[in-house]
Amino acid sequence: HLAVFSDSAFAVDLQESESTSGCFVAVVGRHTVAPITAICKSQTCVSHSSTEAEIIALDFCLRSEGLPLLMLLQHL
Protein backbone atom coordinates (compact mmCIF):
# COMPACT_ATOMS: atom_id res chain seq x y z
CA HIS A 1 0.00 0.00 0.00
CA LEU A 2 0.97 3.64 -0.34
CA ALA A 3 2.22 5.34 2.85
CA VAL A 4 2.38 9.13 3.07
CA PHE A 5 4.06 10.82 6.04
CA SER A 6 4.08 14.55 6.71
CA ASP A 7 5.69 16.68 9.39
CA SER A 8 6.42 20.32 10.07
CA ALA A 9 8.87 22.39 12.04
CA PHE A 10 7.07 25.34 13.61
CA ALA A 11 8.67 28.81 13.14
CA VAL A 12 12.16 27.55 12.34
CA ASP A 13 13.17 30.90 10.87
CA LEU A 14 12.96 33.34 13.80
CA GLN A 15 13.35 36.40 11.54
CA GLU A 16 10.43 35.56 9.24
CA SER A 17 8.45 33.20 11.56
CA GLU A 18 8.04 30.72 8.71
CA SER A 19 7.55 27.02 9.31
CA THR A 20 8.90 24.14 7.23
CA SER A 21 6.87 21.28 5.71
CA GLY A 22 8.24 17.82 5.12
CA CYS A 23 6.74 14.95 3.11
CA PHE A 24 7.82 11.33 2.64
CA VAL A 25 6.03 8.86 0.36
CA ALA A 26 6.76 5.13 0.17
CA VAL A 27 5.24 1.92 -1.12
CA VAL A 28 5.03 -0.43 1.84
CA GLY A 29 4.83 -4.20 1.55
CA ARG A 30 4.74 -6.95 4.12
CA HIS A 31 8.52 -7.03 4.63
CA THR A 32 9.75 -4.10 2.52
CA VAL A 33 9.58 -0.34 2.19
CA ALA A 34 10.40 1.34 -1.12
CA PRO A 35 10.77 5.13 -0.86
CA ILE A 36 9.19 7.04 -3.74
CA THR A 37 9.80 10.70 -2.91
CA ALA A 38 10.72 13.10 -0.13
CA ILE A 39 10.20 16.86 -0.05
CA CYS A 40 11.21 19.61 2.36
CA LYS A 41 9.74 23.06 1.68
CA SER A 42 9.38 26.34 3.51
CA GLN A 43 5.75 27.30 4.13
CA THR A 44 4.63 30.50 2.41
CA CYS A 45 2.26 31.53 5.19
CA VAL A 46 2.87 32.30 8.85
CA SER A 47 1.31 29.73 11.19
CA HIS A 48 0.06 30.78 14.62
CA SER A 49 0.52 27.38 16.24
CA SER A 50 2.32 24.09 15.70
CA THR A 51 -1.02 22.41 15.01
CA GLU A 52 -1.74 24.86 12.19
CA ALA A 53 1.74 24.24 10.75
CA GLU A 54 1.09 20.46 10.82
CA ILE A 55 -2.25 20.88 8.99
CA ILE A 56 -0.60 23.02 6.31
CA ALA A 57 2.16 20.40 5.91
CA LEU A 58 -0.42 17.61 5.58
CA ASP A 59 -2.38 19.58 2.98
CA PHE A 60 0.79 20.26 0.96
CA CYS A 61 1.84 16.61 1.13
CA LEU A 62 -1.52 15.21 0.06
CA ARG A 63 -2.05 17.72 -2.79
CA SER A 64 1.44 17.54 -4.23
CA GLU A 65 2.34 13.85 -3.76
CA GLY A 66 -0.33 11.68 -2.13
CA LEU A 67 -3.33 12.14 -4.41
CA PRO A 68 -1.41 12.09 -7.73
CA LEU A 69 0.38 8.87 -6.70
CA LEU A 70 -2.89 7.33 -5.51
CA MET A 71 -4.44 7.98 -8.94
CA LEU A 72 -1.37 6.46 -10.59
CA LEU A 73 -1.62 3.31 -8.44
CA GLN A 74 -5.32 2.95 -9.29
CA HIS A 75 -4.44 2.86 -13.01
CA LEU A 76 -1.72 0.26 -12.50
PDB file of N, CA and C in Angstrom:
ATOM      1  N   HIS A   1       0.831  -1.182   0.000  1.00  0.00           N
ATOM      2  CA  HIS A   1       0.000   0.000   0.000  1.00  0.00           C
ATOM      3  C   HIS A   1       0.872   1.242   0.000  1.00  0.00           C
ATOM      4  N   LEU A   2       0.277   2.362  -0.266  1.00  0.00           N
ATOM      5  CA  LEU A   2       0.966   3.639  -0.336  1.00  0.00           C
ATOM      6  C   LEU A   2       0.945   4.285   1.047  1.00  0.00           C
ATOM      7  N   ALA A   3       2.115   4.679   1.547  1.00  0.00           N
ATOM      8  CA  ALA A   3       2.217   5.342   2.851  1.00  0.00           C
ATOM      9  C   ALA A   3       2.725   6.761   2.636  1.00  0.00           C
ATOM     10  N   VAL A   4       2.005   7.720   3.189  1.00  0.00           N
ATOM     11  CA  VAL A   4       2.376   9.132   3.067  1.00  0.00           C
ATOM     12  C   VAL A   4       2.563   9.686   4.480  1.00  0.00           C
ATOM     13  N   PHE A   5       3.741  10.240   4.732  1.00  0.00           N
ATOM     14  CA  PHE A   5       4.059  10.817   6.036  1.00  0.00           C
ATOM     15  C   PHE A   5       4.330  12.299   5.857  1.00  0.00           C
ATOM     16  N   SER A   6       3.797  13.116   6.767  1.00  0.00           N
ATOM     17  CA  SER A   6       4.078  14.551   6.710  1.00  0.00           C
ATOM     18  C   SER A   6       4.468  15.030   8.103  1.00  0.00           C
ATOM     19  N   ASP A   7       5.263  16.094   8.130  1.00  0.00           N
ATOM     20  CA  ASP A   7       5.686  16.683   9.390  1.00  0.00           C
ATOM     21  C   ASP A   7       6.007  18.148   9.140  1.00  0.00           C
ATOM     22  N   SER A   8       6.048  18.920  10.217  1.00  0.00           N
ATOM     23  CA  SER A   8       6.417  20.321  10.075  1.00  0.00           C
ATOM     24  C   SER A   8       7.311  20.725  11.230  1.00  0.00           C
ATOM     25  N   ALA A   9       8.076  21.763  11.001  1.00  0.00           N
ATOM     26  CA  ALA A   9       8.874  22.394  12.040  1.00  0.00           C
ATOM     27  C   ALA A   9       8.316  23.801  12.206  1.00  0.00           C
ATOM     28  N   PHE A  10       7.772  24.083  13.366  1.00  0.00           N
ATOM     29  CA  PHE A  10       7.066  25.340  13.606  1.00  0.00           C
ATOM     30  C   PHE A  10       8.049  26.491  13.811  1.00  0.00           C
ATOM     31  N   ALA A  11       7.912  27.549  13.015  1.00  0.00           N
ATOM     32  CA  ALA A  11       8.668  28.805  13.141  1.00  0.00           C
ATOM     33  C   ALA A  11      10.165  28.580  13.266  1.00  0.00           C
ATOM     34  N   VAL A  12      10.728  27.829  12.336  1.00  0.00           N
ATOM     35  CA  VAL A  12      12.164  27.550  12.342  1.00  0.00           C
ATOM     36  C   VAL A  12      12.953  28.838  12.121  1.00  0.00           C
ATOM     37  N   ASP A  13      12.509  29.637  11.172  1.00  0.00           N
ATOM     38  CA  ASP A  13      13.172  30.901  10.869  1.00  0.00           C
ATOM     39  C   ASP A  13      12.635  31.976  11.810  1.00  0.00           C
ATOM     40  N   LEU A  14      13.431  32.386  12.795  1.00  0.00           N
ATOM     41  CA  LEU A  14      12.959  33.343  13.796  1.00  0.00           C
ATOM     42  C   LEU A  14      12.775  34.745  13.221  1.00  0.00           C
ATOM     43  N   GLN A  15      13.495  35.085  12.159  1.00  0.00           N
ATOM     44  CA  GLN A  15      13.347  36.404  11.541  1.00  0.00           C
ATOM     45  C   GLN A  15      12.007  36.530  10.822  1.00  0.00           C
ATOM     46  N   GLU A  16      11.637  35.511  10.061  1.00  0.00           N
ATOM     47  CA  GLU A  16      10.433  35.557   9.235  1.00  0.00           C
ATOM     48  C   GLU A  16       9.249  34.821   9.863  1.00  0.00           C
ATOM     49  N   SER A  17       9.477  34.019  10.889  1.00  0.00           N
ATOM     50  CA  SER A  17       8.452  33.200  11.561  1.00  0.00           C
ATOM     51  C   SER A  17       7.804  32.190  10.630  1.00  0.00           C
ATOM     52  N   GLU A  18       8.561  31.719   9.637  1.00  0.00           N
ATOM     53  CA  GLU A  18       8.035  30.721   8.705  1.00  0.00           C
ATOM     54  C   GLU A  18       8.313  29.315   9.217  1.00  0.00           C
ATOM     55  N   SER A  19       7.396  28.427   8.957  1.00  0.00           N
ATOM     56  CA  SER A  19       7.551  27.021   9.314  1.00  0.00           C
ATOM     57  C   SER A  19       8.024  26.239   8.095  1.00  0.00           C
ATOM     58  N   THR A  20       8.415  24.998   8.311  1.00  0.00           N
ATOM     59  CA  THR A  20       8.898  24.139   7.234  1.00  0.00           C
ATOM     60  C   THR A  20       8.028  22.892   7.160  1.00  0.00           C
ATOM     61  N   SER A  21       7.648  22.494   5.939  1.00  0.00           N
ATOM     62  CA  SER A  21       6.866  21.281   5.713  1.00  0.00           C
ATOM     63  C   SER A  21       7.774  20.177   5.194  1.00  0.00           C
ATOM     64  N   GLY A  22       7.512  18.966   5.631  1.00  0.00           N
ATOM     65  CA  GLY A  22       8.238  17.815   5.123  1.00  0.00           C
ATOM     66  C   GLY A  22       7.256  16.733   4.706  1.00  0.00           C
ATOM     67  N   CYS A  23       7.613  15.991   3.650  1.00  0.00           N
ATOM     68  CA  CYS A  23       6.740  14.951   3.114  1.00  0.00           C
ATOM     69  C   CYS A  23       7.586  13.759   2.682  1.00  0.00           C
ATOM     70  N   PHE A  24       7.140  12.563   3.029  1.00  0.00           N
ATOM     71  CA  PHE A  24       7.821  11.335   2.635  1.00  0.00           C
ATOM     72  C   PHE A  24       6.768  10.348   2.146  1.00  0.00           C
ATOM     73  N   VAL A  25       6.969   9.804   0.954  1.00  0.00           N
ATOM     74  CA  VAL A  25       6.027   8.856   0.360  1.00  0.00           C
ATOM     75  C   VAL A  25       6.762   7.560   0.059  1.00  0.00           C
ATOM     76  N   ALA A  26       6.140   6.437   0.416  1.00  0.00           N
ATOM     77  CA  ALA A  26       6.764   5.134   0.174  1.00  0.00           C
ATOM     78  C   ALA A  26       5.686   4.102  -0.150  1.00  0.00           C
ATOM     79  N   VAL A  27       6.085   3.091  -0.906  1.00  0.00           N
ATOM     80  CA  VAL A  27       5.240   1.922  -1.123  1.00  0.00           C
ATOM     81  C   VAL A  27       5.673   0.897  -0.079  1.00  0.00           C
ATOM     82  N   VAL A  28       4.722   0.440   0.723  1.00  0.00           N
ATOM     83  CA  VAL A  28       5.026  -0.434   1.845  1.00  0.00           C
ATOM     84  C   VAL A  28       4.426  -1.812   1.584  1.00  0.00           C
ATOM     85  N   GLY A  29       5.269  -2.824   1.686  1.00  0.00           N
ATOM     86  CA  GLY A  29       4.825  -4.202   1.554  1.00  0.00           C
ATOM     87  C   GLY A  29       4.905  -4.910   2.892  1.00  0.00           C
ATOM     88  N   ARG A  30       4.736  -6.194   2.877  1.00  0.00           N
ATOM     89  CA  ARG A  30       4.738  -6.955   4.124  1.00  0.00           C
ATOM     90  C   ARG A  30       6.101  -6.902   4.824  1.00  0.00           C
ATOM     91  N   HIS A  31       7.182  -7.020   4.054  1.00  0.00           N
ATOM     92  CA  HIS A  31       8.522  -7.026   4.635  1.00  0.00           C
ATOM     93  C   HIS A  31       9.437  -5.979   4.015  1.00  0.00           C
ATOM     94  N   THR A  32       8.909  -5.078   3.201  1.00  0.00           N
ATOM     95  CA  THR A  32       9.748  -4.099   2.522  1.00  0.00           C
ATOM     96  C   THR A  32       9.129  -2.705   2.539  1.00  0.00           C
ATOM     97  N   VAL A  33       9.996  -1.731   2.362  1.00  0.00           N
ATOM     98  CA  VAL A  33       9.578  -0.340   2.193  1.00  0.00           C
ATOM     99  C   VAL A  33      10.394   0.217   1.036  1.00  0.00           C
ATOM    100  N   ALA A  34       9.716   0.744   0.024  1.00  0.00           N
ATOM    101  CA  ALA A  34      10.396   1.339  -1.125  1.00  0.00           C
ATOM    102  C   ALA A  34      10.070   2.829  -1.164  1.00  0.00           C
ATOM    103  N   PRO A  35      11.045   3.695  -0.826  1.00  0.00           N
ATOM    104  CA  PRO A  35      10.774   5.132  -0.864  1.00  0.00           C
ATOM    105  C   PRO A  35      10.524   5.617  -2.282  1.00  0.00           C
ATOM    106  N   ILE A  36       9.531   6.473  -2.436  1.00  0.00           N
ATOM    107  CA  ILE A  36       9.185   7.037  -3.740  1.00  0.00           C
ATOM    108  C   ILE A  36       9.713   8.466  -3.849  1.00  0.00           C
ATOM    109  N   THR A  37       9.388   9.302  -2.861  1.00  0.00           N
ATOM    110  CA  THR A  37       9.805  10.697  -2.906  1.00  0.00           C
ATOM    111  C   THR A  37       9.870  11.282  -1.498  1.00  0.00           C
ATOM    112  N   ALA A  38      10.642  12.332  -1.372  1.00  0.00           N
ATOM    113  CA  ALA A  38      10.725  13.100  -0.127  1.00  0.00           C
ATOM    114  C   ALA A  38      10.887  14.571  -0.485  1.00  0.00           C
ATOM    115  N   ILE A  39      10.178  15.425   0.232  1.00  0.00           N
ATOM    116  CA  ILE A  39      10.204  16.858  -0.050  1.00  0.00           C
ATOM    117  C   ILE A  39      10.332  17.619   1.267  1.00  0.00           C
ATOM    118  N   CYS A  40      11.119  18.671   1.250  1.00  0.00           N
ATOM    119  CA  CYS A  40      11.210  19.614   2.359  1.00  0.00           C
ATOM    120  C   CYS A  40      11.041  21.006   1.768  1.00  0.00           C
ATOM    121  N   LYS A  41      10.061  21.770   2.286  1.00  0.00           N
ATOM    122  CA  LYS A  41       9.737  23.060   1.678  1.00  0.00           C
ATOM    123  C   LYS A  41       9.338  24.050   2.763  1.00  0.00           C
ATOM    124  N   SER A  42       9.774  25.276   2.593  1.00  0.00           N
ATOM    125  CA  SER A  42       9.383  26.337   3.508  1.00  0.00           C
ATOM    126  C   SER A  42       7.926  26.720   3.233  1.00  0.00           C
ATOM    127  N   GLN A  43       7.149  26.902   4.294  1.00  0.00           N
ATOM    128  CA  GLN A  43       5.754  27.299   4.126  1.00  0.00           C
ATOM    129  C   GLN A  43       5.692  28.773   3.745  1.00  0.00           C
ATOM    130  N   THR A  44       4.746  29.123   2.885  1.00  0.00           N
ATOM    131  CA  THR A  44       4.634  30.499   2.405  1.00  0.00           C
ATOM    132  C   THR A  44       3.771  31.367   3.312  1.00  0.00           C
ATOM    133  N   CYS A  45       3.092  30.761   4.270  1.00  0.00           N
ATOM    134  CA  CYS A  45       2.256  31.530   5.186  1.00  0.00           C
ATOM    135  C   CYS A  45       2.843  31.441   6.601  1.00  0.00           C
ATOM    136  N   VAL A  46       2.410  32.308   7.469  1.00  0.00           N
ATOM    137  CA  VAL A  46       2.874  32.303   8.852  1.00  0.00           C
ATOM    138  C   VAL A  46       1.822  31.590   9.695  1.00  0.00           C
ATOM    139  N   SER A  47       2.215  30.489  10.337  1.00  0.00           N
ATOM    140  CA  SER A  47       1.307  29.730  11.194  1.00  0.00           C
ATOM    141  C   SER A  47       1.313  30.331  12.600  1.00  0.00           C
ATOM    142  N   HIS A  48       0.174  30.242  13.268  1.00  0.00           N
ATOM    143  CA  HIS A  48       0.056  30.781  14.616  1.00  0.00           C
ATOM    144  C   HIS A  48       0.213  29.717  15.692  1.00  0.00           C
ATOM    145  N   SER A  49       0.313  28.466  15.280  1.00  0.00           N
ATOM    146  CA  SER A  49       0.520  27.379  16.242  1.00  0.00           C
ATOM    147  C   SER A  49       1.163  26.202  15.524  1.00  0.00           C
ATOM    148  N   SER A  50       1.713  25.282  16.312  1.00  0.00           N
ATOM    149  CA  SER A  50       2.325  24.094  15.705  1.00  0.00           C
ATOM    150  C   SER A  50       1.269  23.199  15.057  1.00  0.00           C
ATOM    151  N   THR A  51       0.061  23.192  15.603  1.00  0.00           N
ATOM    152  CA  THR A  51      -1.024  22.406  15.007  1.00  0.00           C
ATOM    153  C   THR A  51      -1.382  22.941  13.626  1.00  0.00           C
ATOM    154  N   GLU A  52      -1.443  24.253  13.492  1.00  0.00           N
ATOM    155  CA  GLU A  52      -1.738  24.860  12.194  1.00  0.00           C
ATOM    156  C   GLU A  52      -0.635  24.551  11.188  1.00  0.00           C
ATOM    157  N   ALA A  53       0.623  24.579  11.624  1.00  0.00           N
ATOM    158  CA  ALA A  53       1.742  24.243  10.745  1.00  0.00           C
ATOM    159  C   ALA A  53       1.664  22.793  10.286  1.00  0.00           C
ATOM    160  N   GLU A  54       1.246  21.884  11.173  1.00  0.00           N
ATOM    161  CA  GLU A  54       1.088  20.464  10.816  1.00  0.00           C
ATOM    162  C   GLU A  54      -0.023  20.275   9.783  1.00  0.00           C
ATOM    163  N   ILE A  55      -1.124  20.987   9.945  1.00  0.00           N
ATOM    164  CA  ILE A  55      -2.245  20.882   8.994  1.00  0.00           C
ATOM    165  C   ILE A  55      -1.827  21.396   7.620  1.00  0.00           C
ATOM    166  N   ILE A  56      -1.085  22.486   7.579  1.00  0.00           N
ATOM    167  CA  ILE A  56      -0.601  23.025   6.309  1.00  0.00           C
ATOM    168  C   ILE A  56       0.360  22.040   5.652  1.00  0.00           C
ATOM    169  N   ALA A  57       1.226  21.400   6.449  1.00  0.00           N
ATOM    170  CA  ALA A  57       2.163  20.405   5.913  1.00  0.00           C
ATOM    171  C   ALA A  57       1.407  19.202   5.348  1.00  0.00           C
ATOM    172  N   LEU A  58       0.378  18.743   6.056  1.00  0.00           N
ATOM    173  CA  LEU A  58      -0.418  17.610   5.579  1.00  0.00           C
ATOM    174  C   LEU A  58      -1.136  17.946   4.281  1.00  0.00           C
ATOM    175  N   ASP A  59      -1.707  19.145   4.200  1.00  0.00           N
ATOM    176  CA  ASP A  59      -2.381  19.579   2.975  1.00  0.00           C
ATOM    177  C   ASP A  59      -1.408  19.622   1.800  1.00  0.00           C
ATOM    178  N   PHE A  60      -0.222  20.189   2.014  1.00  0.00           N
ATOM    179  CA  PHE A  60       0.788  20.256   0.964  1.00  0.00           C
ATOM    180  C   PHE A  60       1.196  18.862   0.501  1.00  0.00           C
ATOM    181  N   CYS A  61       1.397  17.974   1.445  1.00  0.00           N
ATOM    182  CA  CYS A  61       1.840  16.611   1.127  1.00  0.00           C
ATOM    183  C   CYS A  61       0.776  15.839   0.341  1.00  0.00           C
ATOM    184  N   LEU A  62      -0.458  15.931   0.759  1.00  0.00           N
ATOM    185  CA  LEU A  62      -1.524  15.211   0.063  1.00  0.00           C
ATOM    186  C   LEU A  62      -1.772  15.766  -1.339  1.00  0.00           C
ATOM    187  N   ARG A  63      -1.794  17.109  -1.479  1.00  0.00           N
ATOM    188  CA  ARG A  63      -2.051  17.718  -2.786  1.00  0.00           C
ATOM    189  C   ARG A  63      -0.914  17.483  -3.768  1.00  0.00           C
ATOM    190  N   SER A  64       0.324  17.602  -3.298  1.00  0.00           N
ATOM    191  CA  SER A  64       1.444  17.536  -4.232  1.00  0.00           C
ATOM    192  C   SER A  64       1.912  16.121  -4.521  1.00  0.00           C
ATOM    193  N   GLU A  65       1.795  15.192  -3.578  1.00  0.00           N
ATOM    194  CA  GLU A  65       2.339  13.848  -3.758  1.00  0.00           C
ATOM    195  C   GLU A  65       1.311  12.733  -3.559  1.00  0.00           C
ATOM    196  N   GLY A  66       0.560  12.794  -2.496  1.00  0.00           N
ATOM    197  CA  GLY A  66      -0.330  11.684  -2.133  1.00  0.00           C
ATOM    198  C   GLY A  66      -1.416  11.387  -3.141  1.00  0.00           C
ATOM    199  N   LEU A  67      -2.215  12.375  -3.484  1.00  0.00           N
ATOM    200  CA  LEU A  67      -3.332  12.140  -4.408  1.00  0.00           C
ATOM    201  C   LEU A  67      -2.877  11.805  -5.829  1.00  0.00           C
ATOM    202  N   PRO A  68      -1.864  12.502  -6.392  1.00  0.00           N
ATOM    203  CA  PRO A  68      -1.408  12.088  -7.731  1.00  0.00           C
ATOM    204  C   PRO A  68      -0.863  10.660  -7.765  1.00  0.00           C
ATOM    205  N   LEU A  69      -0.140  10.245  -6.732  1.00  0.00           N
ATOM    206  CA  LEU A  69       0.376   8.872  -6.704  1.00  0.00           C
ATOM    207  C   LEU A  69      -0.738   7.854  -6.485  1.00  0.00           C
ATOM    208  N   LEU A  70      -1.745   8.223  -5.718  1.00  0.00           N
ATOM    209  CA  LEU A  70      -2.887   7.328  -5.514  1.00  0.00           C
ATOM    210  C   LEU A  70      -3.620   7.094  -6.829  1.00  0.00           C
ATOM    211  N   MET A  71      -3.797   8.147  -7.628  1.00  0.00           N
ATOM    212  CA  MET A  71      -4.443   7.985  -8.942  1.00  0.00           C
ATOM    213  C   MET A  71      -3.591   7.129  -9.867  1.00  0.00           C
ATOM    214  N   LEU A  72      -2.261   7.282  -9.801  1.00  0.00           N
ATOM    215  CA  LEU A  72      -1.368   6.455 -10.595  1.00  0.00           C
ATOM    216  C   LEU A  72      -1.478   4.978 -10.203  1.00  0.00           C
ATOM    217  N   LEU A  73      -1.505   4.701  -8.898  1.00  0.00           N
ATOM    218  CA  LEU A  73      -1.625   3.312  -8.442  1.00  0.00           C
ATOM    219  C   LEU A  73      -2.957   2.677  -8.829  1.00  0.00           C
ATOM    220  N   GLN A  74      -4.015   3.475  -8.888  1.00  0.00           N
ATOM    221  CA  GLN A  74      -5.324   2.948  -9.295  1.00  0.00           C
ATOM    222  C   GLN A  74      -5.309   2.544 -10.756  1.00  0.00           C
ATOM    223  N   HIS A  75      -4.526   3.213 -11.594  1.00  0.00           N
ATOM    224  CA  HIS A  75      -4.441   2.856 -13.011  1.00  0.00           C
ATOM    225  C   HIS A  75      -3.551   1.662 -13.251  1.00  0.00           C
ATOM    226  N   LEU A  76      -2.624   1.392 -12.327  1.00  0.00           N
ATOM    227  CA  LEU A  76      -1.720   0.258 -12.503  1.00  0.00           C
ATOM    228  C   LEU A  76      -2.378  -0.974 -12.039  1.00  0.00           C
TER     229      LEU A  76
END
